[in-house]
PDB file of all heavy atoms in Angstrom:
ATOM      1  N   LEU A   1     -18.278 -67.237  81.927  1.00  0.00           N
ATOM      2  CA  LEU A   1     -17.746 -67.383  83.281  1.00  0.00           C
ATOM      3  C   LEU A   1     -16.929 -66.159  83.671  1.00  0.00           C
ATOM      4  O   LEU A   1     -17.051 -65.640  84.790  1.00  0.00           O
ATOM      5  CB  LEU A   1     -16.890 -68.639  83.360  1.00  0.00           C
ATOM      6  CG  LEU A   1     -16.198 -68.925  84.712  1.00  0.00           C
ATOM      7  CD1 LEU A   1     -17.222 -69.108  85.821  1.00  0.00           C
ATOM      8  CD2 LEU A   1     -15.310 -70.158  84.587  1.00  0.00           C
ATOM      9  N   ASP A   2     -16.108 -65.688  82.749  1.00  0.00           N
ATOM     10  CA  ASP A   2     -15.299 -64.491  82.996  1.00  0.00           C
ATOM     11  C   ASP A   2     -16.204 -63.295  83.290  1.00  0.00           C
ATOM     12  O   ASP A   2     -15.926 -62.493  84.197  1.00  0.00           O
ATOM     13  CB  ASP A   2     -14.419 -64.220  81.772  1.00  0.00           C
ATOM     14  CG  ASP A   2     -13.523 -63.011  81.947  1.00  0.00           C
ATOM     15  OD1 ASP A   2     -12.675 -63.027  82.856  1.00  0.00           O
ATOM     16  OD2 ASP A   2     -13.672 -62.037  81.177  1.00  0.00           O
ATOM     17  N   PHE A   3     -17.296 -63.179  82.543  1.00  0.00           N
ATOM     18  CA  PHE A   3     -18.242 -62.077  82.740  1.00  0.00           C
ATOM     19  C   PHE A   3     -18.930 -62.193  84.100  1.00  0.00           C
ATOM     20  O   PHE A   3     -19.119 -61.193  84.811  1.00  0.00           O
ATOM     21  CB  PHE A   3     -19.285 -62.065  81.621  1.00  0.00           C
ATOM     22  CG  PHE A   3     -20.256 -60.929  81.714  1.00  0.00           C
ATOM     23  CD1 PHE A   3     -19.908 -59.668  81.264  1.00  0.00           C
ATOM     24  CD2 PHE A   3     -21.510 -61.127  82.269  1.00  0.00           C
ATOM     25  CE1 PHE A   3     -20.812 -58.602  81.366  1.00  0.00           C
ATOM     26  CE2 PHE A   3     -22.416 -60.079  82.376  1.00  0.00           C
ATOM     27  CZ  PHE A   3     -22.057 -58.808  81.917  1.00  0.00           C
ATOM     28  N   GLN A   4     -19.315 -63.409  84.486  1.00  0.00           N
ATOM     29  CA  GLN A   4     -19.969 -63.611  85.776  1.00  0.00           C
ATOM     30  C   GLN A   4     -19.037 -63.269  86.937  1.00  0.00           C
ATOM     31  O   GLN A   4     -19.463 -62.684  87.936  1.00  0.00           O
ATOM     32  CB  GLN A   4     -20.440 -65.061  85.894  1.00  0.00           C
ATOM     33  CG  GLN A   4     -21.613 -65.403  84.984  1.00  0.00           C
ATOM     34  CD  GLN A   4     -21.978 -66.874  85.072  1.00  0.00           C
ATOM     35  OE1 GLN A   4     -21.155 -67.718  85.411  1.00  0.00           O
ATOM     36  NE2 GLN A   4     -23.229 -67.179  84.738  1.00  0.00           N
ATOM     37  N   LEU A   5     -17.764 -63.628  86.801  1.00  0.00           N
ATOM     38  CA  LEU A   5     -16.784 -63.296  87.841  1.00  0.00           C
ATOM     39  C   LEU A   5     -16.615 -61.782  87.944  1.00  0.00           C
ATOM     40  O   LEU A   5     -16.514 -61.236  89.055  1.00  0.00           O
ATOM     41  CB  LEU A   5     -15.446 -63.970  87.534  1.00  0.00           C
ATOM     42  CG  LEU A   5     -15.411 -65.485  87.774  1.00  0.00           C
ATOM     43  CD1 LEU A   5     -14.196 -66.108  87.098  1.00  0.00           C
ATOM     44  CD2 LEU A   5     -15.403 -65.799  89.263  1.00  0.00           C
ATOM     45  N   MET A   6     -16.593 -61.113  86.795  1.00  0.00           N
ATOM     46  CA  MET A   6     -16.486 -59.657  86.809  1.00  0.00           C
ATOM     47  C   MET A   6     -17.710 -59.027  87.475  1.00  0.00           C
ATOM     48  O   MET A   6     -17.589 -58.055  88.236  1.00  0.00           O
ATOM     49  CB  MET A   6     -16.342 -59.128  85.385  1.00  0.00           C
ATOM     50  CG  MET A   6     -16.171 -57.616  85.308  1.00  0.00           C
ATOM     51  SD  MET A   6     -15.940 -57.036  83.604  1.00  0.00           S
ATOM     52  CE  MET A   6     -17.522 -57.495  82.880  1.00  0.00           C
ATOM     53  N   THR A   7     -18.882 -59.606  87.221  1.00  0.00           N
ATOM     54  CA  THR A   7     -20.110 -59.112  87.838  1.00  0.00           C
ATOM     55  C   THR A   7     -20.062 -59.241  89.347  1.00  0.00           C
ATOM     56  O   THR A   7     -20.467 -58.332  90.093  1.00  0.00           O
ATOM     57  CB  THR A   7     -21.331 -59.875  87.295  1.00  0.00           C
ATOM     58  OG1 THR A   7     -21.405 -59.698  85.873  1.00  0.00           O
ATOM     59  CG2 THR A   7     -22.624 -59.376  87.934  1.00  0.00           C
ATOM     60  N   GLN A   8     -19.553 -60.370  89.832  1.00  0.00           N
ATOM     61  CA  GLN A   8     -19.436 -60.569  91.273  1.00  0.00           C
ATOM     62  C   GLN A   8     -18.422 -59.606  91.892  1.00  0.00           C
ATOM     63  O   GLN A   8     -18.621 -59.102  92.996  1.00  0.00           O
ATOM     64  CB  GLN A   8     -19.041 -62.017  91.577  1.00  0.00           C
ATOM     65  CG  GLN A   8     -20.141 -63.025  91.321  1.00  0.00           C
ATOM     66  CD  GLN A   8     -21.404 -62.715  92.110  1.00  0.00           C
ATOM     67  OE1 GLN A   8     -21.359 -62.345  93.285  1.00  0.00           O
ATOM     68  NE2 GLN A   8     -22.547 -62.858  91.454  1.00  0.00           N
ATOM     69  N   LEU A   9     -17.342 -59.342  91.173  1.00  0.00           N
ATOM     70  CA  LEU A   9     -16.351 -58.399  91.684  1.00  0.00           C
ATOM     71  C   LEU A   9     -16.940 -56.994  91.767  1.00  0.00           C
ATOM     72  O   LEU A   9     -16.677 -56.253  92.723  1.00  0.00           O
ATOM     73  CB  LEU A   9     -15.119 -58.404  90.776  1.00  0.00           C
ATOM     74  CG  LEU A   9     -13.914 -57.600  91.281  1.00  0.00           C
ATOM     75  CD1 LEU A   9     -13.402 -58.158  92.611  1.00  0.00           C
ATOM     76  CD2 LEU A   9     -12.797 -57.607  90.247  1.00  0.00           C
ATOM     77  N   LYS A  10     -17.750 -56.636  90.768  1.00  0.00           N
ATOM     78  CA  LYS A  10     -18.422 -55.340  90.789  1.00  0.00           C
ATOM     79  C   LYS A  10     -19.390 -55.258  91.965  1.00  0.00           C
ATOM     80  O   LYS A  10     -19.438 -54.244  92.681  1.00  0.00           O
ATOM     81  CB  LYS A  10     -19.174 -55.119  89.472  1.00  0.00           C
ATOM     82  CG  LYS A  10     -20.017 -53.851  89.439  1.00  0.00           C
ATOM     83  CD  LYS A  10     -19.171 -52.598  89.606  1.00  0.00           C
ATOM     84  CE  LYS A  10     -20.023 -51.347  89.520  1.00  0.00           C
ATOM     85  NZ  LYS A  10     -19.223 -50.108  89.736  1.00  0.00           N
ATOM     86  N   SER A  11     -20.141 -56.326  92.200  1.00  0.00           N
ATOM     87  CA  SER A  11     -21.066 -56.369  93.332  1.00  0.00           C
ATOM     88  C   SER A  11     -20.312 -56.249  94.656  1.00  0.00           C
ATOM     89  O   SER A  11     -20.748 -55.566  95.587  1.00  0.00           O
ATOM     90  CB  SER A  11     -21.869 -57.672  93.297  1.00  0.00           C
ATOM     91  OG  SER A  11     -22.755 -57.757  94.386  1.00  0.00           O
ATOM     92  N   TYR A  12     -19.168 -56.926  94.718  1.00  0.00           N
ATOM     93  CA  TYR A  12     -18.311 -56.840  95.908  1.00  0.00           C
ATOM     94  C   TYR A  12     -17.848 -55.403  96.122  1.00  0.00           C
ATOM     95  O   TYR A  12     -17.860 -54.883  97.245  1.00  0.00           O
ATOM     96  CB  TYR A  12     -17.117 -57.767  95.718  1.00  0.00           C
ATOM     97  CG  TYR A  12     -16.093 -57.753  96.830  1.00  0.00           C
ATOM     98  CD1 TYR A  12     -16.296 -58.497  97.995  1.00  0.00           C
ATOM     99  CD2 TYR A  12     -14.920 -57.028  96.704  1.00  0.00           C
ATOM    100  CE1 TYR A  12     -15.351 -58.498  99.018  1.00  0.00           C
ATOM    101  CE2 TYR A  12     -13.968 -57.019  97.719  1.00  0.00           C
ATOM    102  CZ  TYR A  12     -14.193 -57.764  98.862  1.00  0.00           C
ATOM    103  OH  TYR A  12     -13.242 -57.755  99.865  1.00  0.00           O
ATOM    104  N   SER A  13     -17.460 -54.734  95.025  1.00  0.00           N
ATOM    105  CA  SER A  13     -17.007 -53.348  95.098  1.00  0.00           C
ATOM    106  C   SER A  13     -18.117 -52.423  95.596  1.00  0.00           C
ATOM    107  O   SER A  13     -17.893 -51.560  96.447  1.00  0.00           O
ATOM    108  CB  SER A  13     -16.526 -52.885  93.722  1.00  0.00           C
ATOM    109  OG  SER A  13     -16.253 -51.510  93.711  1.00  0.00           O
ATOM    110  N   VAL A  14     -19.336 -52.617  95.075  1.00  0.00           N
ATOM    111  CA  VAL A  14     -20.474 -51.796  95.494  1.00  0.00           C
ATOM    112  C   VAL A  14     -20.752 -51.985  96.982  1.00  0.00           C
ATOM    113  O   VAL A  14     -21.016 -51.019  97.706  1.00  0.00           O
ATOM    114  CB  VAL A  14     -21.723 -52.144  94.661  1.00  0.00           C
ATOM    115  CG1 VAL A  14     -22.974 -51.487  95.240  1.00  0.00           C
ATOM    116  CG2 VAL A  14     -21.529 -51.720  93.215  1.00  0.00           C
ATOM    117  N   HIS A  15     -20.665 -53.236  97.433  1.00  0.00           N
ATOM    118  CA  HIS A  15     -20.890 -53.526  98.850  1.00  0.00           C
ATOM    119  C   HIS A  15     -19.862 -52.810  99.719  1.00  0.00           C
ATOM    120  O   HIS A  15     -20.202 -52.209 100.743  1.00  0.00           O
ATOM    121  CB  HIS A  15     -20.825 -55.035  99.090  1.00  0.00           C
ATOM    122  CG  HIS A  15     -21.175 -55.456 100.476  1.00  0.00           C
ATOM    123  ND1 HIS A  15     -22.450 -55.812 100.854  1.00  0.00           N
ATOM    124  CD2 HIS A  15     -20.413 -55.550 101.596  1.00  0.00           C
ATOM    125  CE1 HIS A  15     -22.466 -56.116 102.134  1.00  0.00           C
ATOM    126  NE2 HIS A  15     -21.228 -55.971 102.606  1.00  0.00           N
ATOM    127  N   LEU A  16     -18.607 -52.873  99.314  1.00  0.00           N
ATOM    128  CA  LEU A  16     -17.559 -52.217 100.092  1.00  0.00           C
ATOM    129  C   LEU A  16     -17.726 -50.698 100.081  1.00  0.00           C
ATOM    130  O   LEU A  16     -17.515 -50.038 101.101  1.00  0.00           O
ATOM    131  CB  LEU A  16     -16.185 -52.590  99.533  1.00  0.00           C
ATOM    132  CG  LEU A  16     -15.744 -54.044  99.671  1.00  0.00           C
ATOM    133  CD1 LEU A  16     -14.298 -54.189  99.210  1.00  0.00           C
ATOM    134  CD2 LEU A  16     -15.877 -54.544 101.105  1.00  0.00           C
ATOM    135  N   GLN A  17     -18.104 -50.154  98.916  1.00  0.00           N
ATOM    136  CA  GLN A  17     -18.286 -48.713  98.826  1.00  0.00           C
ATOM    137  C   GLN A  17     -19.419 -48.245  99.729  1.00  0.00           C
ATOM    138  O   GLN A  17     -19.343 -47.166 100.336  1.00  0.00           O
ATOM    139  CB  GLN A  17     -18.557 -48.317  97.375  1.00  0.00           C
ATOM    140  CG  GLN A  17     -17.336 -48.440  96.472  1.00  0.00           C
ATOM    141  CD  GLN A  17     -17.663 -48.207  95.015  1.00  0.00           C
ATOM    142  OE1 GLN A  17     -18.636 -47.537  94.684  1.00  0.00           O
ATOM    143  NE2 GLN A  17     -16.866 -48.779  94.136  1.00  0.00           N
ATOM    144  N   SER A  18     -20.469 -49.055  99.834  1.00  0.00           N
ATOM    145  CA  SER A  18     -21.570 -48.730 100.731  1.00  0.00           C
ATOM    146  C   SER A  18     -21.090 -48.715 102.181  1.00  0.00           C
ATOM    147  O   SER A  18     -21.437 -47.830 102.969  1.00  0.00           O
ATOM    148  CB  SER A  18     -22.700 -49.747 100.556  1.00  0.00           C
ATOM    149  OG  SER A  18     -23.730 -49.520 101.498  1.00  0.00           O
ATOM    150  N   HIS A  19     -20.257 -49.689 102.524  1.00  0.00           N
ATOM    151  CA  HIS A  19     -19.691 -49.781 103.869  1.00  0.00           C
ATOM    152  C   HIS A  19     -18.793 -48.579 104.152  1.00  0.00           C
ATOM    153  O   HIS A  19     -18.865 -47.958 105.214  1.00  0.00           O
ATOM    154  CB  HIS A  19     -18.892 -51.079 103.977  1.00  0.00           C
ATOM    155  CG  HIS A  19     -18.447 -51.417 105.354  1.00  0.00           C
ATOM    156  ND1 HIS A  19     -19.296 -51.960 106.299  1.00  0.00           N
ATOM    157  CD2 HIS A  19     -17.237 -51.292 105.960  1.00  0.00           C
ATOM    158  CE1 HIS A  19     -18.621 -52.159 107.426  1.00  0.00           C
ATOM    159  NE2 HIS A  19     -17.364 -51.759 107.242  1.00  0.00           N
ATOM    160  N   ILE A  20     -17.951 -48.242 103.181  1.00  0.00           N
ATOM    161  CA  ILE A  20     -17.046 -47.105 103.334  1.00  0.00           C
ATOM    162  C   ILE A  20     -17.833 -45.803 103.436  1.00  0.00           C
ATOM    163  O   ILE A  20     -17.480 -44.898 104.211  1.00  0.00           O
ATOM    164  CB  ILE A  20     -16.058 -47.048 102.151  1.00  0.00           C
ATOM    165  CG1 ILE A  20     -15.100 -48.237 102.230  1.00  0.00           C
ATOM    166  CG2 ILE A  20     -15.275 -45.737 102.144  1.00  0.00           C
ATOM    167  CD1 ILE A  20     -14.225 -48.401 101.010  1.00  0.00           C
ATOM    168  N   GLY A  21     -18.929 -45.709 102.668  1.00  0.00           N
ATOM    169  CA  GLY A  21     -19.764 -44.523 102.727  1.00  0.00           C
ATOM    170  C   GLY A  21     -20.335 -44.308 104.125  1.00  0.00           C
ATOM    171  O   GLY A  21     -20.400 -43.174 104.619  1.00  0.00           O
ATOM    172  N   LEU A  22     -20.740 -45.381 104.765  1.00  0.00           N
ATOM    173  CA  LEU A  22     -21.266 -45.296 106.122  1.00  0.00           C
ATOM    174  C   LEU A  22     -20.197 -44.790 107.086  1.00  0.00           C
ATOM    175  O   LEU A  22     -20.456 -43.916 107.926  1.00  0.00           O
ATOM    176  CB  LEU A  22     -21.761 -46.680 106.566  1.00  0.00           C
ATOM    177  CG  LEU A  22     -22.304 -46.797 108.003  1.00  0.00           C
ATOM    178  CD1 LEU A  22     -23.545 -45.933 108.175  1.00  0.00           C
ATOM    179  CD2 LEU A  22     -22.614 -48.253 108.323  1.00  0.00           C
ATOM    180  N   LEU A  23     -18.996 -45.327 106.967  1.00  0.00           N
ATOM    181  CA  LEU A  23     -17.899 -44.896 107.829  1.00  0.00           C
ATOM    182  C   LEU A  23     -17.584 -43.418 107.604  1.00  0.00           C
ATOM    183  O   LEU A  23     -17.380 -42.655 108.567  1.00  0.00           O
ATOM    184  CB  LEU A  23     -16.642 -45.733 107.546  1.00  0.00           C
ATOM    185  CG  LEU A  23     -16.741 -47.238 107.812  1.00  0.00           C
ATOM    186  CD1 LEU A  23     -15.429 -47.913 107.433  1.00  0.00           C
ATOM    187  CD2 LEU A  23     -17.060 -47.514 109.272  1.00  0.00           C
ATOM    188  N   ASN A  24     -17.537 -43.011 106.340  1.00  0.00           N
ATOM    189  CA  ASN A  24     -17.199 -41.626 106.034  1.00  0.00           C
ATOM    190  C   ASN A  24     -18.238 -40.647 106.550  1.00  0.00           C
ATOM    191  O   ASN A  24     -17.908 -39.528 106.969  1.00  0.00           O
ATOM    192  CB  ASN A  24     -17.010 -41.444 104.525  1.00  0.00           C
ATOM    193  CG  ASN A  24     -15.698 -42.011 104.037  1.00  0.00           C
ATOM    194  OD1 ASN A  24     -14.730 -42.129 104.799  1.00  0.00           O
ATOM    195  ND2 ASN A  24     -15.627 -42.357 102.761  1.00  0.00           N
ATOM    196  N   ARG A  25     -19.518 -41.057 106.529  1.00  0.00           N
ATOM    197  CA  ARG A  25     -20.558 -40.169 107.053  1.00  0.00           C
ATOM    198  C   ARG A  25     -20.364 -39.919 108.544  1.00  0.00           C
ATOM    199  O   ARG A  25     -20.536 -38.798 109.028  1.00  0.00           O
ATOM    200  CB  ARG A  25     -21.944 -40.766 106.772  1.00  0.00           C
ATOM    201  CG  ARG A  25     -22.383 -40.637 105.330  1.00  0.00           C
ATOM    202  CD  ARG A  25     -23.861 -40.913 105.157  1.00  0.00           C
ATOM    203  NE  ARG A  25     -24.206 -42.294 105.451  1.00  0.00           N
ATOM    204  CZ  ARG A  25     -24.130 -43.289 104.578  1.00  0.00           C
ATOM    205  NH1 ARG A  25     -23.691 -43.055 103.346  1.00  0.00           N
ATOM    206  NH2 ARG A  25     -24.483 -44.520 104.899  1.00  0.00           N
ATOM    207  N   TYR A  26     -20.003 -40.962 109.274  1.00  0.00           N
ATOM    208  CA  TYR A  26     -19.771 -40.793 110.710  1.00  0.00           C
ATOM    209  C   TYR A  26     -18.525 -39.927 110.949  1.00  0.00           C
ATOM    210  O   TYR A  26     -18.521 -39.032 111.803  1.00  0.00           O
ATOM    211  CB  TYR A  26     -19.604 -42.145 111.394  1.00  0.00           C
ATOM    212  CG  TYR A  26     -19.385 -42.031 112.891  1.00  0.00           C
ATOM    213  CD1 TYR A  26     -20.454 -41.787 113.753  1.00  0.00           C
ATOM    214  CD2 TYR A  26     -18.106 -42.136 113.433  1.00  0.00           C
ATOM    215  CE1 TYR A  26     -20.261 -41.667 115.115  1.00  0.00           C
ATOM    216  CE2 TYR A  26     -17.898 -42.018 114.804  1.00  0.00           C
ATOM    217  CZ  TYR A  26     -18.979 -41.781 115.643  1.00  0.00           C
ATOM    218  OH  TYR A  26     -18.780 -41.646 117.004  1.00  0.00           O
TER     219      TYR A  26
END
């Protein structure tokens, strides 16, 4: 369960980084 939660947090981080990357490009 701890590992699965960490995986979701990593996925959340990747999603945010993608969003931030879009903003930074503009």
